[in-house]
């Protein structure tokens, strides 16, 4: 159910242990206690083409999107965002842009099949 997606510019690979960062973000999300641990899915997407403002692709970035079923309070989502940002800042403070967005998924529209 919850999905942690870490998007990053390809230049990040040279400066950050992406797999280690993803694992630490995954564990921080588990420690939040907001959902069933077996349902958490985390993945990383590397981008070869991006633009940031007038800097184009000369700036690097990491952006975390965290989607979870609705029903959490704004404070719970803020705390999750703070936990994830602490990990990002600890391991990737030298990256130009670090951002996180925690979003609700609509329970009425969410579909899941497990085989």
PDB file of N, CA and C in Angstrom:
ATOM      1  N   UNK A   1       0.811  -1.186   0.000  1.00  0.00           N
ATOM      2  CA  UNK A   1       0.000   0.000   0.000  1.00  0.00           C
ATOM      3  C   UNK A   1       0.856   1.252   0.000  1.00  0.00           C
ATOM      4  N   UNK A   2       1.656   1.543   1.013  1.00  0.00           N
ATOM      5  CA  UNK A   2       2.461   2.761   0.891  1.00  0.00           C
ATOM      6  C   UNK A   2       3.564   2.569  -0.154  1.00  0.00           C
ATOM      7  N   UNK A   3       3.802   3.637  -0.901  1.00  0.00           N
ATOM      8  CA  UNK A   3       4.834   3.620  -1.930  1.00  0.00           C
ATOM      9  C   UNK A   3       5.795   4.776  -1.689  1.00  0.00           C
ATOM     10  N   UNK A   4       7.064   4.455  -1.534  1.00  0.00           N
ATOM     11  CA  UNK A   4       8.119   5.455  -1.436  1.00  0.00           C
ATOM     12  C   UNK A   4       8.871   5.416  -2.764  1.00  0.00           C
ATOM     13  N   UNK A   5       8.839   6.533  -3.480  1.00  0.00           N
ATOM     14  CA  UNK A   5       9.526   6.618  -4.762  1.00  0.00           C
ATOM     15  C   UNK A   5      10.574   7.719  -4.661  1.00  0.00           C
ATOM     16  N   UNK A   6      11.829   7.327  -4.824  1.00  0.00           N
ATOM     17  CA  UNK A   6      12.922   8.285  -4.801  1.00  0.00           C
ATOM     18  C   UNK A   6      13.358   8.548  -6.242  1.00  0.00           C
ATOM     19  N   UNK A   7      13.134   9.761  -6.701  1.00  0.00           N
ATOM     20  CA  UNK A   7      13.570  10.175  -8.027  1.00  0.00           C
ATOM     21  C   UNK A   7      14.848  10.983  -7.856  1.00  0.00           C
ATOM     22  N   UNK A   8      15.797  10.803  -8.790  1.00  0.00           N
ATOM     23  CA  UNK A   8      17.063  11.520  -8.638  1.00  0.00           C
ATOM     24  C   UNK A   8      17.743  11.721  -9.985  1.00  0.00           C
ATOM     25  N   UNK A   9      18.523  12.781 -10.069  1.00  0.00           N
ATOM     26  CA  UNK A   9      19.287  13.059 -11.281  1.00  0.00           C
ATOM     27  C   UNK A   9      20.459  12.092 -11.363  1.00  0.00           C
ATOM     28  N   UNK A  10      20.853  11.745 -12.577  1.00  0.00           N
ATOM     29  CA  UNK A  10      21.892  10.723 -12.735  1.00  0.00           C
ATOM     30  C   UNK A  10      23.218  11.120 -12.099  1.00  0.00           C
ATOM     31  N   UNK A  11      23.471  12.404 -11.924  1.00  0.00           N
ATOM     32  CA  UNK A  11      24.713  12.841 -11.282  1.00  0.00           C
ATOM     33  C   UNK A  11      24.763  12.474  -9.795  1.00  0.00           C
ATOM     34  N   UNK A  12      23.622  12.184  -9.211  1.00  0.00           N
ATOM     35  CA  UNK A  12      23.575  11.791  -7.795  1.00  0.00           C
ATOM     36  C   UNK A  12      24.303  10.468  -7.581  1.00  0.00           C
ATOM     37  N   UNK A  13      24.211   9.574  -8.560  1.00  0.00           N
ATOM     38  CA  UNK A  13      24.870   8.265  -8.460  1.00  0.00           C
ATOM     39  C   UNK A  13      26.349   8.374  -8.144  1.00  0.00           C
ATOM     40  N   UNK A  14      26.987   9.423  -8.624  1.00  0.00           N
ATOM     41  CA  UNK A  14      28.414   9.606  -8.426  1.00  0.00           C
ATOM     42  C   UNK A  14      28.752  10.106  -7.028  1.00  0.00           C
ATOM     43  N   UNK A  15      27.744  10.625  -6.310  1.00  0.00           N
ATOM     44  CA  UNK A  15      28.013  11.313  -5.057  1.00  0.00           C
ATOM     45  C   UNK A  15      27.285  10.727  -3.847  1.00  0.00           C
ATOM     46  N   UNK A  16      26.353   9.820  -4.092  1.00  0.00           N
ATOM     47  CA  UNK A  16      25.533   9.249  -3.013  1.00  0.00           C
ATOM     48  C   UNK A  16      25.402   7.748  -3.250  1.00  0.00           C
ATOM     49  N   UNK A  17      25.430   6.979  -2.190  1.00  0.00           N
ATOM     50  CA  UNK A  17      25.131   5.549  -2.268  1.00  0.00           C
ATOM     51  C   UNK A  17      23.610   5.420  -2.373  1.00  0.00           C
ATOM     52  N   UNK A  18      23.108   5.352  -3.599  1.00  0.00           N
ATOM     53  CA  UNK A  18      21.662   5.388  -3.836  1.00  0.00           C
ATOM     54  C   UNK A  18      20.961   4.203  -3.174  1.00  0.00           C
ATOM     55  N   UNK A  19      21.495   2.996  -3.321  1.00  0.00           N
ATOM     56  CA  UNK A  19      20.860   1.822  -2.704  1.00  0.00           C
ATOM     57  C   UNK A  19      20.848   1.958  -1.185  1.00  0.00           C
ATOM     58  N   UNK A  20      21.943   2.399  -0.600  1.00  0.00           N
ATOM     59  CA  UNK A  20      21.998   2.583   0.853  1.00  0.00           C
ATOM     60  C   UNK A  20      21.017   3.644   1.325  1.00  0.00           C
ATOM     61  N   UNK A  21      20.914   4.735   0.573  1.00  0.00           N
ATOM     62  CA  UNK A  21      19.967   5.791   0.914  1.00  0.00           C
ATOM     63  C   UNK A  21      18.538   5.275   0.832  1.00  0.00           C
ATOM     64  N   UNK A  22      18.216   4.536  -0.223  1.00  0.00           N
ATOM     65  CA  UNK A  22      16.875   3.973  -0.362  1.00  0.00           C
ATOM     66  C   UNK A  22      16.551   3.046   0.805  1.00  0.00           C
ATOM     67  N   UNK A  23      17.500   2.211   1.185  1.00  0.00           N
ATOM     68  CA  UNK A  23      17.284   1.306   2.322  1.00  0.00           C
ATOM     69  C   UNK A  23      17.050   2.086   3.609  1.00  0.00           C
ATOM     70  N   UNK A  24      17.817   3.129   3.838  1.00  0.00           N
ATOM     71  CA  UNK A  24      17.652   3.927   5.060  1.00  0.00           C
ATOM     72  C   UNK A  24      16.330   4.685   5.060  1.00  0.00           C
ATOM     73  N   UNK A  25      15.897   5.178   3.912  1.00  0.00           N
ATOM     74  CA  UNK A  25      14.585   5.829   3.812  1.00  0.00           C
ATOM     75  C   UNK A  25      13.473   4.822   4.094  1.00  0.00           C
ATOM     76  N   UNK A  26      13.619   3.625   3.548  1.00  0.00           N
ATOM     77  CA  UNK A  26      12.650   2.548   3.763  1.00  0.00           C
ATOM     78  C   UNK A  26      12.529   2.238   5.257  1.00  0.00           C
ATOM     79  N   UNK A  27      13.671   2.122   5.934  1.00  0.00           N
ATOM     80  CA  UNK A  27      13.661   1.811   7.371  1.00  0.00           C
ATOM     81  C   UNK A  27      13.093   2.981   8.192  1.00  0.00           C
ATOM     82  N   UNK A  28      13.369   4.204   7.784  1.00  0.00           N
ATOM     83  CA  UNK A  28      12.796   5.360   8.488  1.00  0.00           C
ATOM     84  C   UNK A  28      11.277   5.360   8.350  1.00  0.00           C
ATOM     85  N   UNK A  29      10.791   5.017   7.163  1.00  0.00           N
ATOM     86  CA  UNK A  29       9.343   4.949   6.955  1.00  0.00           C
ATOM     87  C   UNK A  29       8.727   3.864   7.834  1.00  0.00           C
ATOM     88  N   UNK A  30       9.401   2.728   7.952  1.00  0.00           N
ATOM     89  CA  UNK A  30       8.913   1.650   8.819  1.00  0.00           C
ATOM     90  C   UNK A  30       8.838   2.144  10.263  1.00  0.00           C
ATOM     91  N   UNK A  31       9.868   2.856  10.699  1.00  0.00           N
ATOM     92  CA  UNK A  31       9.908   3.349  12.080  1.00  0.00           C
ATOM     93  C   UNK A  31       8.798   4.352  12.387  1.00  0.00           C
ATOM     94  N   UNK A  32       8.198   4.934  11.363  1.00  0.00           N
ATOM     95  CA  UNK A  32       7.101   5.877  11.603  1.00  0.00           C
ATOM     96  C   UNK A  32       5.901   5.196  12.241  1.00  0.00           C
ATOM     97  N   UNK A  33       5.742   3.898  11.998  1.00  0.00           N
ATOM     98  CA  UNK A  33       4.632   3.148  12.579  1.00  0.00           C
ATOM     99  C   UNK A  33       3.274   3.479  11.980  1.00  0.00           C
ATOM    100  N   UNK A  34       3.235   4.065  10.803  1.00  0.00           N
ATOM    101  CA  UNK A  34       1.968   4.513  10.217  1.00  0.00           C
ATOM    102  C   UNK A  34       1.264   3.463   9.362  1.00  0.00           C
ATOM    103  N   UNK A  35       1.884   2.309   9.135  1.00  0.00           N
ATOM    104  CA  UNK A  35       1.292   1.326   8.240  1.00  0.00           C
ATOM    105  C   UNK A  35       1.894  -0.047   8.503  1.00  0.00           C
ATOM    106  N   UNK A  36       1.300  -1.075   7.882  1.00  0.00           N
ATOM    107  CA  UNK A  36       1.809  -2.439   8.005  1.00  0.00           C
ATOM    108  C   UNK A  36       3.136  -2.546   7.258  1.00  0.00           C
ATOM    109  N   UNK A  37       4.157  -3.010   7.934  1.00  0.00           N
ATOM    110  CA  UNK A  37       5.497  -3.082   7.367  1.00  0.00           C
ATOM    111  C   UNK A  37       5.547  -3.890   6.061  1.00  0.00           C
ATOM    112  N   UNK A  38       4.915  -5.080   5.984  1.00  0.00           N
ATOM    113  CA  UNK A  38       5.036  -5.861   4.740  1.00  0.00           C
ATOM    114  C   UNK A  38       4.454  -5.159   3.507  1.00  0.00           C
ATOM    115  N   UNK A  39       3.625  -4.153   3.708  1.00  0.00           N
ATOM    116  CA  UNK A  39       2.994  -3.505   2.559  1.00  0.00           C
ATOM    117  C   UNK A  39       3.814  -2.349   1.981  1.00  0.00           C
ATOM    118  N   UNK A  40       4.886  -1.938   2.652  1.00  0.00           N
ATOM    119  CA  UNK A  40       5.701  -0.815   2.174  1.00  0.00           C
ATOM    120  C   UNK A  40       6.534  -1.226   0.966  1.00  0.00           C
ATOM    121  N   UNK A  41       6.447  -0.427  -0.097  1.00  0.00           N
ATOM    122  CA  UNK A  41       7.222  -0.658  -1.312  1.00  0.00           C
ATOM    123  C   UNK A  41       8.070   0.574  -1.569  1.00  0.00           C
ATOM    124  N   UNK A  42       9.371   0.395  -1.740  1.00  0.00           N
ATOM    125  CA  UNK A  42      10.277   1.507  -1.994  1.00  0.00           C
ATOM    126  C   UNK A  42      11.059   1.232  -3.271  1.00  0.00           C
ATOM    127  N   UNK A  43      11.250   2.277  -4.063  1.00  0.00           N
ATOM    128  CA  UNK A  43      12.001   2.127  -5.302  1.00  0.00           C
ATOM    129  C   UNK A  43      12.641   3.451  -5.688  1.00  0.00           C
ATOM    130  N   UNK A  44      13.644   3.362  -6.533  1.00  0.00           N
ATOM    131  CA  UNK A  44      14.367   4.552  -6.980  1.00  0.00           C
ATOM    132  C   UNK A  44      14.307   4.641  -8.500  1.00  0.00           C
ATOM    133  N   UNK A  45      14.121   5.861  -8.972  1.00  0.00           N
ATOM    134  CA  UNK A  45      14.083   6.128 -10.402  1.00  0.00           C
ATOM    135  C   UNK A  45      15.151   7.154 -10.745  1.00  0.00           C
ATOM    136  N   UNK A  46      16.056   6.761 -11.619  1.00  0.00           N
ATOM    137  CA  UNK A  46      17.154   7.645 -12.045  1.00  0.00           C
ATOM    138  C   UNK A  46      16.740   8.366 -13.326  1.00  0.00           C
ATOM    139  N   UNK A  47      16.962   9.679 -13.345  1.00  0.00           N
ATOM    140  CA  UNK A  47      16.614  10.479 -14.518  1.00  0.00           C
ATOM    141  C   UNK A  47      17.869  10.936 -15.240  1.00  0.00           C
ATOM    142  N   UNK A  48      17.847  10.793 -16.550  1.00  0.00           N
ATOM    143  CA  UNK A  48      18.950  11.232 -17.389  1.00  0.00           C
ATOM    144  C   UNK A  48      18.681  12.623 -17.972  1.00  0.00           C
ATOM    145  N   UNK A  49      17.435  13.032 -17.954  1.00  0.00           N
ATOM    146  CA  UNK A  49      17.039  14.334 -18.505  1.00  0.00           C
ATOM    147  C   UNK A  49      16.159  15.044 -17.491  1.00  0.00           C
ATOM    148  N   UNK A  50      16.518  16.280 -17.134  1.00  0.00           N
ATOM    149  CA  UNK A  50      15.761  17.084 -16.191  1.00  0.00           C
ATOM    150  C   UNK A  50      16.174  18.538 -16.350  1.00  0.00           C
ATOM    151  N   UNK A  51      15.380  19.396 -15.792  1.00  0.00           N
ATOM    152  CA  UNK A  51      15.714  20.822 -15.782  1.00  0.00           C
ATOM    153  C   UNK A  51      15.223  21.408 -14.465  1.00  0.00           C
ATOM    154  N   UNK A  52      16.020  22.294 -13.895  1.00  0.00           N
ATOM    155  CA  UNK A  52      15.649  22.992 -12.667  1.00  0.00           C
ATOM    156  C   UNK A  52      15.830  24.480 -12.922  1.00  0.00           C
ATOM    157  N   UNK A  53      14.728  25.203 -12.913  1.00  0.00           N
ATOM    158  CA  UNK A  53      14.773  26.651 -13.097  1.00  0.00           C
ATOM    159  C   UNK A  53      15.627  27.049 -14.283  1.00  0.00           C
ATOM    160  N   UNK A  54      16.428  28.064 -14.115  1.00  0.00           N
ATOM    161  CA  UNK A  54      17.316  28.523 -15.175  1.00  0.00           C
ATOM    162  C   UNK A  54      18.645  27.768 -15.183  1.00  0.00           C
ATOM    163  N   UNK A  55      18.844  26.885 -14.203  1.00  0.00           N
ATOM    164  CA  UNK A  55      20.089  26.121 -14.120  1.00  0.00           C
ATOM    165  C   UNK A  55      20.077  24.907 -15.047  1.00  0.00           C
ATOM    166  N   UNK A  56      18.928  24.610 -15.608  1.00  0.00           N
ATOM    167  CA  UNK A  56      18.826  23.458 -16.501  1.00  0.00           C
ATOM    168  C   UNK A  56      19.198  22.185 -15.788  1.00  0.00           C
ATOM    169  N   UNK A  57      20.096  21.407 -16.388  1.00  0.00           N
ATOM    170  CA  UNK A  57      20.496  20.141 -15.786  1.00  0.00           C
ATOM    171  C   UNK A  57      21.846  20.233 -15.073  1.00  0.00           C
ATOM    172  N   UNK A  58      22.268  21.457 -14.778  1.00  0.00           N
ATOM    173  CA  UNK A  58      23.540  21.609 -14.056  1.00  0.00           C
ATOM    174  C   UNK A  58      23.370  21.457 -12.547  1.00  0.00           C
ATOM    175  N   UNK A  59      22.140  21.433 -12.063  1.00  0.00           N
ATOM    176  CA  UNK A  59      21.855  21.182 -10.646  1.00  0.00           C
ATOM    177  C   UNK A  59      21.356  19.761 -10.483  1.00  0.00           C
ATOM    178  N   UNK A  60      21.755  19.132  -9.394  1.00  0.00           N
ATOM    179  CA  UNK A  60      21.270  17.782  -9.126  1.00  0.00           C
ATOM    180  C   UNK A  60      20.111  17.829  -8.138  1.00  0.00           C
ATOM    181  N   UNK A  61      19.361  16.729  -8.063  1.00  0.00           N
ATOM    182  CA  UNK A  61      18.191  16.703  -7.182  1.00  0.00           C
ATOM    183  C   UNK A  61      17.904  15.292  -6.698  1.00  0.00           C
ATOM    184  N   UNK A  62      17.212  15.237  -5.566  1.00  0.00           N
ATOM    185  CA  UNK A  62      16.547  14.021  -5.088  1.00  0.00           C
ATOM    186  C   UNK A  62      15.159  14.462  -4.650  1.00  0.00           C
ATOM    187  N   UNK A  63      14.153  13.783  -5.164  1.00  0.00           N
ATOM    188  CA  UNK A  63      12.775  14.076  -4.767  1.00  0.00           C
ATOM    189  C   UNK A  63      12.119  12.783  -4.309  1.00  0.00           C
ATOM    190  N   UNK A  64      11.515  12.827  -3.127  1.00  0.00           N
ATOM    191  CA  UNK A  64      10.801  11.674  -2.582  1.00  0.00           C
ATOM    192  C   UNK A  64       9.301  11.929  -2.687  1.00  0.00           C
ATOM    193  N   UNK A  65       8.607  10.996  -3.301  1.00  0.00           N
ATOM    194  CA  UNK A  65       7.145  11.000  -3.265  1.00  0.00           C
ATOM    195  C   UNK A  65       6.747   9.815  -2.400  1.00  0.00           C
ATOM    196  N   UNK A  66       5.929  10.083  -1.387  1.00  0.00           N
ATOM    197  CA  UNK A  66       5.468   9.017  -0.498  1.00  0.00           C
ATOM    198  C   UNK A  66       3.953   9.009  -0.552  1.00  0.00           C
ATOM    199  N   UNK A  67       3.381   7.945  -1.100  1.00  0.00           N
ATOM    200  CA  UNK A  67       1.931   7.820  -1.207  1.00  0.00           C
ATOM    201  C   UNK A  67       1.435   6.779  -0.212  1.00  0.00           C
ATOM    202  N   UNK A  68       0.403   7.135   0.526  1.00  0.00           N
ATOM    203  CA  UNK A  68      -0.197   6.206   1.469  1.00  0.00           C
ATOM    204  C   UNK A  68      -1.703   6.409   1.468  1.00  0.00           C
ATOM    205  N   UNK A  69      -2.430   5.362   1.838  1.00  0.00           N
ATOM    206  CA  UNK A  69      -3.888   5.462   1.855  1.00  0.00           C
ATOM    207  C   UNK A  69      -4.320   6.571   2.803  1.00  0.00           C
ATOM    208  N   UNK A  70      -5.366   7.271   2.415  1.00  0.00           N
ATOM    209  CA  UNK A  70      -5.844   8.386   3.226  1.00  0.00           C
ATOM    210  C   UNK A  70      -6.296   7.901   4.602  1.00  0.00           C
ATOM    211  N   UNK A  71      -6.353   8.823   5.539  1.00  0.00           N
ATOM    212  CA  UNK A  71      -6.752   8.481   6.898  1.00  0.00           C
ATOM    213  C   UNK A  71      -5.741   8.903   7.942  1.00  0.00           C
ATOM    214  N   UNK A  72      -4.543   9.317   7.503  1.00  0.00           N
ATOM    215  CA  UNK A  72      -3.533   9.808   8.454  1.00  0.00           C
ATOM    216  C   UNK A  72      -3.777  11.286   8.715  1.00  0.00           C
ATOM    217  N   UNK A  73      -3.428  11.730   9.895  1.00  0.00           N
ATOM    218  CA  UNK A  73      -3.598  13.144  10.239  1.00  0.00           C
ATOM    219  C   UNK A  73      -2.502  13.967   9.559  1.00  0.00           C
ATOM    220  N   UNK A  74      -2.747  15.271   9.398  1.00  0.00           N
ATOM    221  CA  UNK A  74      -1.689  16.124   8.847  1.00  0.00           C
ATOM    222  C   UNK A  74      -0.400  16.050   9.672  1.00  0.00           C
ATOM    223  N   UNK A  75      -0.513  15.974  10.977  1.00  0.00           N
ATOM    224  CA  UNK A  75       0.686  15.896  11.823  1.00  0.00           C
ATOM    225  C   UNK A  75       1.444  14.589  11.579  1.00  0.00           C
ATOM    226  N   UNK A  76       0.738  13.473  11.425  1.00  0.00           N
ATOM    227  CA  UNK A  76       1.401  12.201  11.135  1.00  0.00           C
ATOM    228  C   UNK A  76       2.163  12.281   9.816  1.00  0.00           C
ATOM    229  N   UNK A  77       1.566  12.905   8.814  1.00  0.00           N
ATOM    230  CA  UNK A  77       2.225  13.038   7.512  1.00  0.00           C
ATOM    231  C   UNK A  77       3.408  14.001   7.596  1.00  0.00           C
ATOM    232  N   UNK A  78       3.278  15.072   8.364  1.00  0.00           N
ATOM    233  CA  UNK A  78       4.405  16.002   8.565  1.00  0.00           C
ATOM    234  C   UNK A  78       5.564  15.300   9.256  1.00  0.00           C
ATOM    235  N   UNK A  79       5.256  14.485  10.262  1.00  0.00           N
ATOM    236  CA  UNK A  79       6.307  13.760  10.981  1.00  0.00           C
ATOM    237  C   UNK A  79       7.000  12.756  10.059  1.00  0.00           C
ATOM    238  N   UNK A  80       6.247  12.071   9.224  1.00  0.00           N
ATOM    239  CA  UNK A  80       6.839  11.159   8.245  1.00  0.00           C
ATOM    240  C   UNK A  80       7.774  11.934   7.317  1.00  0.00           C
ATOM    241  N   UNK A  81       7.320  13.078   6.846  1.00  0.00           N
ATOM    242  CA  UNK A  81       8.144  13.916   5.980  1.00  0.00           C
ATOM    243  C   UNK A  81       9.423  14.356   6.693  1.00  0.00           C
ATOM    244  N   UNK A  82       9.316  14.722   7.957  1.00  0.00           N
ATOM    245  CA  UNK A  82      10.489  15.131   8.743  1.00  0.00           C
ATOM    246  C   UNK A  82      11.479  13.975   8.910  1.00  0.00           C
ATOM    247  N   UNK A  83      10.958  12.778   9.183  1.00  0.00           N
ATOM    248  CA  UNK A  83      11.822  11.599   9.330  1.00  0.00           C
ATOM    249  C   UNK A  83      12.602  11.335   8.043  1.00  0.00           C
ATOM    250  N   UNK A  84      11.909  11.388   6.929  1.00  0.00           N
ATOM    251  CA  UNK A  84      12.551  11.130   5.643  1.00  0.00           C
ATOM    252  C   UNK A  84      13.564  12.218   5.304  1.00  0.00           C
ATOM    253  N   UNK A  85      13.225  13.472   5.581  1.00  0.00           N
ATOM    254  CA  UNK A  85      14.151  14.565   5.277  1.00  0.00           C
ATOM    255  C   UNK A  85      15.404  14.477   6.140  1.00  0.00           C
ATOM    256  N   UNK A  86      15.264  14.019   7.369  1.00  0.00           N
ATOM    257  CA  UNK A  86      16.445  13.858   8.229  1.00  0.00           C
ATOM    258  C   UNK A  86      17.431  12.873   7.598  1.00  0.00           C
ATOM    259  N   UNK A  87      16.915  11.793   7.039  1.00  0.00           N
ATOM    260  CA  UNK A  87      17.775  10.813   6.369  1.00  0.00           C
ATOM    261  C   UNK A  87      18.416  11.438   5.130  1.00  0.00           C
ATOM    262  N   UNK A  88      17.614  12.139   4.336  1.00  0.00           N
ATOM    263  CA  UNK A  88      18.143  12.794   3.137  1.00  0.00           C
ATOM    264  C   UNK A  88      19.255  13.776   3.489  1.00  0.00           C
ATOM    265  N   UNK A  89      19.022  14.611   4.476  1.00  0.00           N
ATOM    266  CA  UNK A  89      20.016  15.610   4.837  1.00  0.00           C
ATOM    267  C   UNK A  89      21.282  14.978   5.403  1.00  0.00           C
ATOM    268  N   UNK A  90      21.123  13.880   6.117  1.00  0.00           N
ATOM    269  CA  UNK A  90      22.280  13.207   6.688  1.00  0.00           C
ATOM    270  C   UNK A  90      23.177  12.624   5.594  1.00  0.00           C
ATOM    271  N   UNK A  91      22.580  12.085   4.553  1.00  0.00           N
ATOM    272  CA  UNK A  91      23.357  11.367   3.541  1.00  0.00           C
ATOM    273  C   UNK A  91      23.570  12.131   2.237  1.00  0.00           C
ATOM    274  N   UNK A  92      22.783  13.185   2.007  1.00  0.00           N
ATOM    275  CA  UNK A  92      22.852  13.851   0.704  1.00  0.00           C
ATOM    276  C   UNK A  92      22.777  15.368   0.823  1.00  0.00           C
ATOM    277  N   UNK A  93      23.308  15.929   1.898  1.00  0.00           N
ATOM    278  CA  UNK A  93      23.214  17.374   2.104  1.00  0.00           C
ATOM    279  C   UNK A  93      23.941  18.162   1.021  1.00  0.00           C
ATOM    280  N   UNK A  94      24.861  17.537   0.317  1.00  0.00           N
ATOM    281  CA  UNK A  94      25.613  18.199  -0.748  1.00  0.00           C
ATOM    282  C   UNK A  94      24.867  18.221  -2.081  1.00  0.00           C
ATOM    283  N   UNK A  95      23.689  17.598  -2.147  1.00  0.00           N
ATOM    284  CA  UNK A  95      22.858  17.636  -3.356  1.00  0.00           C
ATOM    285  C   UNK A  95      22.076  18.951  -3.346  1.00  0.00           C
ATOM    286  N   UNK A  96      21.988  19.601  -4.498  1.00  0.00           N
ATOM    287  CA  UNK A  96      21.418  20.946  -4.590  1.00  0.00           C
ATOM    288  C   UNK A  96      19.977  21.017  -4.122  1.00  0.00           C
ATOM    289  N   UNK A  97      19.132  20.093  -4.569  1.00  0.00           N
ATOM    290  CA  UNK A  97      17.700  20.154  -4.265  1.00  0.00           C
ATOM    291  C   UNK A  97      17.233  18.852  -3.639  1.00  0.00           C
ATOM    292  N   UNK A  98      16.739  18.940  -2.408  1.00  0.00           N
ATOM    293  CA  UNK A  98      16.162  17.801  -1.691  1.00  0.00           C
ATOM    294  C   UNK A  98      14.717  18.147  -1.383  1.00  0.00           C
ATOM    295  N   UNK A  99      13.775  17.354  -1.887  1.00  0.00           N
ATOM    296  CA  UNK A  99      12.363  17.644  -1.663  1.00  0.00           C
ATOM    297  C   UNK A  99      11.604  16.362  -1.342  1.00  0.00           C
ATOM    298  N   UNK A 100      10.498  16.532  -0.605  1.00  0.00           N
ATOM    299  CA  UNK A 100       9.635  15.407  -0.221  1.00  0.00           C
ATOM    300  C   UNK A 100       8.193  15.849  -0.340  1.00  0.00           C
ATOM    301  N   UNK A 101       7.354  14.969  -0.871  1.00  0.00           N
ATOM    302  CA  UNK A 101       5.923  15.208  -0.917  1.00  0.00           C
ATOM    303  C   UNK A 101       5.211  13.958  -0.436  1.00  0.00           C
ATOM    304  N   UNK A 102       4.446  14.081   0.638  1.00  0.00           N
ATOM    305  CA  UNK A 102       3.650  12.978   1.171  1.00  0.00           C
ATOM    306  C   UNK A 102       2.219  13.193   0.685  1.00  0.00           C
ATOM    307  N   UNK A 103       1.681  12.190  -0.005  1.00  0.00           N
ATOM    308  CA  UNK A 103       0.361  12.325  -0.612  1.00  0.00           C
ATOM    309  C   UNK A 103      -0.564  11.189  -0.183  1.00  0.00           C
ATOM    310  N   UNK A 104      -1.835  11.516  -0.095  1.00  0.00           N
ATOM    311  CA  UNK A 104      -2.865  10.523   0.184  1.00  0.00           C
ATOM    312  C   UNK A 104      -3.326   9.858  -1.104  1.00  0.00           C
ATOM    313  N   UNK A 105      -3.558   8.549  -1.021  1.00  0.00           N
ATOM    314  CA  UNK A 105      -4.220   7.812  -2.093  1.00  0.00           C
ATOM    315  C   UNK A 105      -5.670   7.637  -1.663  1.00  0.00           C
ATOM    316  N   UNK A 106      -6.580   7.749  -2.564  1.00  0.00           N
ATOM    317  CA  UNK A 106      -8.008   7.619  -2.283  1.00  0.00           C
ATOM    318  C   UNK A 106      -8.359   6.140  -2.115  1.00  0.00           C
ATOM    319  N   UNK A 107      -8.792   5.746  -0.910  1.00  0.00           N
ATOM    320  CA  UNK A 107      -9.125   4.338  -0.635  1.00  0.00           C
ATOM    321  C   UNK A 107     -10.191   3.817  -1.585  1.00  0.00           C
ATOM    322  N   UNK A 108     -11.149   4.671  -1.950  1.00  0.00           N
ATOM    323  CA  UNK A 108     -12.247   4.239  -2.812  1.00  0.00           C
ATOM    324  C   UNK A 108     -11.763   3.892  -4.216  1.00  0.00           C
ATOM    325  N   UNK A 109     -10.641   4.462  -4.632  1.00  0.00           N
ATOM    326  CA  UNK A 109     -10.136   4.236  -5.990  1.00  0.00           C
ATOM    327  C   UNK A 109      -8.929   3.312  -6.046  1.00  0.00           C
ATOM    328  N   UNK A 110      -8.338   2.990  -4.923  1.00  0.00           N
ATOM    329  CA  UNK A 110      -7.138   2.173  -4.894  1.00  0.00           C
ATOM    330  C   UNK A 110      -7.492   0.725  -5.168  1.00  0.00           C
ATOM    331  N   UNK A 111      -6.740   0.083  -6.055  1.00  0.00           N
ATOM    332  CA  UNK A 111      -6.925  -1.316  -6.392  1.00  0.00           C
ATOM    333  C   UNK A 111      -5.634  -2.063  -6.105  1.00  0.00           C
ATOM    334  N   UNK A 112      -5.754  -3.310  -5.652  1.00  0.00           N
ATOM    335  CA  UNK A 112      -4.566  -4.091  -5.359  1.00  0.00           C
ATOM    336  C   UNK A 112      -4.863  -5.572  -5.616  1.00  0.00           C
ATOM    337  N   UNK A 113      -3.916  -6.224  -6.275  1.00  0.00           N
ATOM    338  CA  UNK A 113      -3.987  -7.675  -6.493  1.00  0.00           C
ATOM    339  C   UNK A 113      -2.660  -8.250  -6.023  1.00  0.00           C
ATOM    340  N   UNK A 114      -2.720  -9.246  -5.168  1.00  0.00           N
ATOM    341  CA  UNK A 114      -1.510  -9.916  -4.689  1.00  0.00           C
ATOM    342  C   UNK A 114      -1.628 -11.386  -5.076  1.00  0.00           C
ATOM    343  N   UNK A 115      -0.640 -11.858  -5.785  1.00  0.00           N
ATOM    344  CA  UNK A 115      -0.636 -13.276  -6.211  1.00  0.00           C
ATOM    345  C   UNK A 115       0.357 -14.074  -5.410  1.00  0.00           C
TER     346      UNK A 115
END
